[in-house]
Amino acid sequence: MKEVALQAGVPPSTYKEWEYGRAIQGEPYQSLANVLGLPLTELLNGTKDDPKTAADRFKKAMKLLRDVERDLQSLFGSD
C-alpha cells in the first residue's frame, strides 16, 4: 500500500482512504492507473475495454464525421 501511494505521489493515508471507498480528490487517476498497470477506463469503471467494442465505436464515430462532412459540403460547397 505504501509503495503504490508513493508511486502515485500521494500520502499512504490518502491511498488507504481510496481503498476504503472514499472519493479521490484532485486528478491523480492517470498516475494511479500507471502505477497499477491498468488502463484508465478500467480503474474508473472497473471493467476492461473490449478492443473490438472500442474499434466498433471508432468506426461509427468516423462514419458520423464523414456524414457530417458530406452534409456540410452539400450546404456550403466544397473547397
Protein backbone atom coordinates (compact mmCIF):
# COMPACT_ATOMS: atom_id res chain seq x y z
CA MET A 1 0.00 0.00 0.00
CA LYS A 2 2.80 2.41 0.89
CA GLU A 3 4.69 1.64 -2.32
CA VAL A 4 1.65 2.28 -4.53
CA ALA A 5 0.93 5.52 -2.65
CA LEU A 6 4.49 6.73 -3.10
CA GLN A 7 4.50 5.87 -6.81
CA ALA A 8 1.15 7.65 -7.25
CA GLY A 9 2.52 10.68 -5.41
CA VAL A 10 0.04 10.65 -2.55
CA PRO A 11 0.37 10.02 1.18
CA PRO A 12 -0.28 6.41 2.26
CA SER A 13 -3.23 7.60 4.36
CA THR A 14 -4.85 9.08 1.24
CA TYR A 15 -4.35 5.86 -0.71
CA LYS A 16 -5.80 3.87 2.20
CA GLU A 17 -8.92 6.06 2.10
CA TRP A 18 -9.27 5.37 -1.64
CA GLU A 19 -9.15 1.63 -0.99
CA TYR A 20 -11.91 2.01 1.57
CA GLY A 21 -14.12 3.76 -0.95
CA ARG A 22 -13.60 7.43 -0.24
CA ALA A 23 -13.74 9.72 -3.23
CA ILE A 24 -10.47 10.54 -4.91
CA GLN A 25 -9.81 14.27 -4.62
CA GLY A 26 -7.93 16.02 -7.39
CA GLU A 27 -6.88 14.23 -10.53
CA PRO A 28 -4.30 11.53 -9.74
CA TYR A 29 -6.25 8.98 -11.80
CA GLN A 30 -3.79 8.54 -14.67
CA SER A 31 -0.85 8.34 -12.28
CA LEU A 32 -2.61 5.70 -10.18
CA ALA A 33 -3.62 3.73 -13.28
CA ASN A 34 0.00 3.77 -14.47
CA VAL A 35 1.27 2.57 -11.10
CA LEU A 36 -1.25 -0.27 -11.05
CA GLY A 37 -0.65 -1.14 -14.70
CA LEU A 38 -4.29 -0.60 -15.65
CA PRO A 39 -5.95 1.34 -18.43
CA LEU A 40 -7.58 4.47 -17.05
CA THR A 41 -11.06 3.29 -18.04
CA GLU A 42 -10.61 0.07 -16.08
CA LEU A 43 -9.52 1.98 -13.00
CA LEU A 44 -12.50 4.33 -13.22
CA ASN A 45 -15.30 1.94 -14.09
CA GLY A 46 -13.94 -1.43 -13.04
CA THR A 47 -14.33 -3.10 -16.43
CA LYS A 48 -11.82 -3.88 -19.12
CA ASP A 49 -12.21 -2.30 -22.52
CA ASP A 50 -13.02 -4.76 -25.23
CA PRO A 51 -10.77 -3.80 -28.17
CA LYS A 52 -13.43 -4.97 -30.63
CA THR A 53 -16.07 -2.76 -28.99
CA ALA A 54 -13.70 0.21 -28.96
CA ALA A 55 -12.88 -0.36 -32.63
CA ASP A 56 -16.59 -0.55 -33.48
CA ARG A 57 -17.27 2.71 -31.64
CA PHE A 58 -14.40 4.34 -33.50
CA LYS A 59 -15.72 3.15 -36.87
CA LYS A 60 -19.20 4.50 -36.05
CA ALA A 61 -17.74 7.84 -34.99
CA MET A 62 -15.73 8.09 -38.20
CA LYS A 63 -18.83 7.31 -40.27
CA LEU A 64 -20.74 10.05 -38.44
CA LEU A 65 -17.93 12.51 -39.12
CA ARG A 66 -17.89 11.61 -42.80
CA ASP A 67 -21.67 12.06 -42.93
CA VAL A 68 -21.42 15.48 -41.29
CA GLU A 69 -18.63 16.47 -43.67
CA ARG A 70 -20.72 15.39 -46.66
CA ASP A 71 -23.75 17.32 -45.36
CA LEU A 72 -21.67 20.45 -44.80
CA GLN A 73 -20.18 20.21 -48.27
CA SER A 74 -23.63 19.94 -49.80
CA LEU A 75 -24.76 23.01 -47.86
CA PHE A 76 -21.72 25.22 -48.35
CA GLY A 77 -19.96 23.71 -51.32
CA SER A 78 -16.59 22.01 -51.27
CA ASP A 79 -13.27 23.82 -51.16
